[in-house]
Amino acid sequence: MAESVGTGYDGLSSRLVPEIELRAFLLDCFGIDEPELFVGHADRTAEDLRNVPPDVVFAAFFTYWQVSGHFAMGFDLGIEGRLVDRVGRREFAERFAIRFDANVLYGDTEPPGLWTVILNDGSRVLAAMDEEDEQYLLYAATAPVPGLPEVRVREDLWQLR
């Protein structure tokens, strides 16, 4: 069986997760060893890597930053193909949401302008969102989003697929 091509998983989390917790989660989630993982704040990446030899390749490279609105943290995760084979995009978002008791927004094959949000219980909704200057606000979803009563429920979003 051929190994999948490396890729990136990106998304938003309703909880700003401490770096030490992110590191433990990523090591466990992908079953990798500490030297195979980089975790750092996006604004400090160059500084964090200044003493790392330029030929070092990380199997998983995770950066995060603070955002506002209905989400607290954005993230980018670059991973090798062997890790894609272990944990797919949706499964990663589900594990993240459940582990950190957070809502996790990510995109995969939704119609333009729509996103999947994995709720903290592992269930999912399709949602529409406004974004401006790192402020992300959901304005419609296919089911109620716990803690966000202002988000309109529009079951017809599923029909846009």
Protein backbone atom coordinates (compact mmCIF):
# COMPACT_ATOMS: atom_id res chain seq x y z
CA MET A 1 0.00 0.00 0.00
CA ALA A 2 1.35 3.42 -0.96
CA GLU A 3 1.77 6.06 1.69
CA SER A 4 -0.42 9.16 1.44
CA VAL A 5 1.09 12.48 0.49
CA GLY A 6 1.85 14.90 3.32
CA THR A 7 -0.71 17.62 3.87
CA GLY A 8 -1.91 20.28 6.24
CA TYR A 9 -4.82 20.47 8.63
CA ASP A 10 -5.91 23.93 9.65
CA GLY A 11 -8.75 25.20 11.74
CA LEU A 12 -10.10 27.21 14.62
CA SER A 13 -10.69 26.20 18.22
CA SER A 14 -13.10 27.83 20.64
CA ARG A 15 -10.52 27.25 23.38
CA LEU A 16 -6.97 28.63 23.54
CA VAL A 17 -5.04 25.51 24.52
CA PRO A 18 -1.74 25.81 26.42
CA GLU A 19 1.28 24.69 24.41
CA ILE A 20 2.20 21.90 26.82
CA GLU A 21 -1.29 20.39 26.39
CA LEU A 22 -1.08 20.73 22.59
CA ARG A 23 2.27 18.94 22.58
CA ALA A 24 0.99 16.02 24.67
CA PHE A 25 -2.14 15.72 22.52
CA LEU A 26 -0.23 15.75 19.21
CA LEU A 27 2.33 13.17 20.38
CA ASP A 28 -0.49 10.88 21.51
CA CYS A 29 -2.80 11.58 18.56
CA PHE A 30 -0.22 10.70 15.91
CA GLY A 31 1.87 8.21 17.90
CA ILE A 32 5.14 10.03 17.29
CA ASP A 33 8.19 10.79 19.42
CA GLU A 34 9.14 14.20 20.79
CA PRO A 35 11.92 14.92 18.22
CA GLU A 36 9.41 14.43 15.37
CA LEU A 37 7.17 17.27 16.57
CA PHE A 38 7.36 21.06 16.48
CA VAL A 39 4.77 23.10 18.38
CA GLY A 40 4.99 26.86 18.61
CA HIS A 41 3.17 30.16 18.48
CA ALA A 42 3.10 31.46 14.89
CA ASP A 43 4.70 34.77 15.94
CA ARG A 44 7.67 33.00 17.54
CA THR A 45 8.41 30.27 14.98
CA ALA A 46 11.67 31.76 13.67
CA GLU A 47 12.91 32.37 17.21
CA ASP A 48 11.92 28.86 18.34
CA LEU A 49 13.79 27.31 15.38
CA ARG A 50 16.96 29.43 15.54
CA ASN A 51 18.99 26.64 17.22
CA VAL A 52 17.51 23.82 15.13
CA PRO A 53 19.73 22.68 12.24
CA PRO A 54 18.19 23.70 8.88
CA ASP A 55 18.11 20.10 7.62
CA VAL A 56 15.85 18.87 10.45
CA VAL A 57 12.46 17.72 9.18
CA PHE A 58 9.56 17.36 11.60
CA ALA A 59 6.90 14.71 10.97
CA ALA A 60 4.35 17.13 12.45
CA PHE A 61 4.73 20.92 12.49
CA PHE A 62 2.02 22.73 14.49
CA THR A 63 1.67 26.49 14.81
CA TYR A 64 -1.08 28.40 16.55
CA TRP A 65 -2.18 31.99 17.15
CA GLN A 66 -4.87 33.83 19.08
CA VAL A 67 -8.08 34.95 17.35
CA SER A 68 -11.36 36.45 18.57
CA GLY A 69 -15.09 36.11 18.12
CA HIS A 70 -16.58 32.65 18.55
CA PHE A 71 -13.11 31.12 18.42
CA ALA A 72 -10.01 31.71 20.53
CA MET A 73 -7.22 30.03 18.56
CA GLY A 74 -6.29 29.38 14.94
CA PHE A 75 -3.94 26.55 14.03
CA ASP A 76 -1.98 25.08 11.13
CA LEU A 77 -0.62 21.55 11.20
CA GLY A 78 1.68 20.21 8.51
CA ILE A 79 2.11 16.42 8.58
CA GLU A 80 3.93 13.68 6.70
CA GLY A 81 1.95 11.19 4.64
CA ARG A 82 2.37 8.38 7.16
CA LEU A 83 0.56 10.53 9.73
CA VAL A 84 -2.27 11.30 7.29
CA ASP A 85 -2.75 7.54 7.05
CA ARG A 86 -2.99 7.33 10.85
CA VAL A 87 -5.38 10.24 11.50
CA GLY A 88 -7.45 11.94 8.83
CA ARG A 89 -8.60 15.57 8.84
CA ARG A 90 -12.07 14.92 10.28
CA GLU A 91 -10.79 12.46 12.88
CA PHE A 92 -8.15 14.99 13.96
CA ALA A 93 -10.81 17.70 14.43
CA GLU A 94 -13.02 15.28 16.38
CA ARG A 95 -10.18 14.20 18.68
CA PHE A 96 -9.15 17.83 19.24
CA ALA A 97 -12.72 18.93 20.07
CA ILE A 98 -13.33 16.11 22.53
CA ARG A 99 -9.90 16.27 24.19
CA PHE A 100 -10.05 20.02 24.79
CA ASP A 101 -13.82 20.41 25.29
CA ALA A 102 -13.88 22.85 22.38
CA ASN A 103 -15.71 23.54 19.15
CA VAL A 104 -13.36 23.04 16.21
CA LEU A 105 -14.01 24.57 12.80
CA TYR A 106 -12.31 23.12 9.74
CA GLY A 107 -12.86 22.87 6.01
CA ASP A 108 -12.70 19.87 3.73
CA THR A 109 -15.28 19.37 0.97
CA GLU A 110 -18.01 21.82 2.00
CA PRO A 111 -19.54 24.20 -0.55
CA PRO A 112 -17.83 27.61 -0.72
CA GLY A 113 -18.62 29.76 2.30
CA LEU A 114 -19.52 26.84 4.57
CA TRP A 115 -17.46 25.05 7.20
CA THR A 116 -17.75 21.97 9.38
CA VAL A 117 -17.78 22.59 13.12
CA ILE A 118 -17.09 19.65 15.39
CA LEU A 119 -18.79 20.31 18.72
CA ASN A 120 -17.16 19.42 22.01
CA ASP A 121 -19.18 16.17 22.18
CA GLY A 122 -17.83 15.01 18.79
CA SER A 123 -21.02 15.76 16.82
CA ARG A 124 -20.84 18.06 13.82
CA VAL A 125 -22.76 20.88 12.23
CA LEU A 126 -22.34 22.72 8.97
CA ALA A 127 -21.92 26.46 9.54
CA ALA A 128 -21.59 29.81 7.79
CA MET A 129 -19.16 32.35 9.19
CA ASP A 130 -18.04 35.95 8.85
CA GLU A 131 -14.35 36.70 9.27
CA GLU A 132 -12.65 40.05 9.53
CA ASP A 133 -9.27 40.90 11.06
CA GLU A 134 -8.88 37.56 12.88
CA GLN A 135 -12.41 37.81 14.32
CA TYR A 136 -14.50 34.77 13.41
CA LEU A 137 -18.26 34.82 14.00
CA LEU A 138 -20.67 32.03 13.11
CA TYR A 139 -24.01 33.38 11.91
CA ALA A 140 -25.85 30.20 10.83
CA ALA A 141 -25.57 26.47 11.50
CA THR A 142 -27.55 23.33 10.73
CA ALA A 143 -28.23 22.75 14.45
CA PRO A 144 -27.90 24.75 17.67
CA VAL A 145 -24.32 25.45 18.72
CA PRO A 146 -24.04 25.11 22.53
CA GLY A 147 -23.21 28.41 24.18
CA LEU A 148 -23.96 30.42 21.02
CA PRO A 149 -27.71 31.12 21.02
CA GLU A 150 -27.23 34.01 18.55
CA VAL A 151 -26.25 31.58 15.76
CA ARG A 152 -29.36 31.01 13.61
CA VAL A 153 -30.36 27.42 12.90
CA ARG A 154 -30.74 26.77 9.18
CA GLU A 155 -31.18 23.10 8.38
CA ASP A 156 -31.22 23.94 4.66
CA LEU A 157 -27.41 24.44 4.74
CA TRP A 158 -27.05 20.65 4.33
CA GLN A 159 -28.88 20.93 0.98
CA LEU A 160 -26.11 23.09 -0.48
CA ARG A 161 -23.79 20.10 -0.72
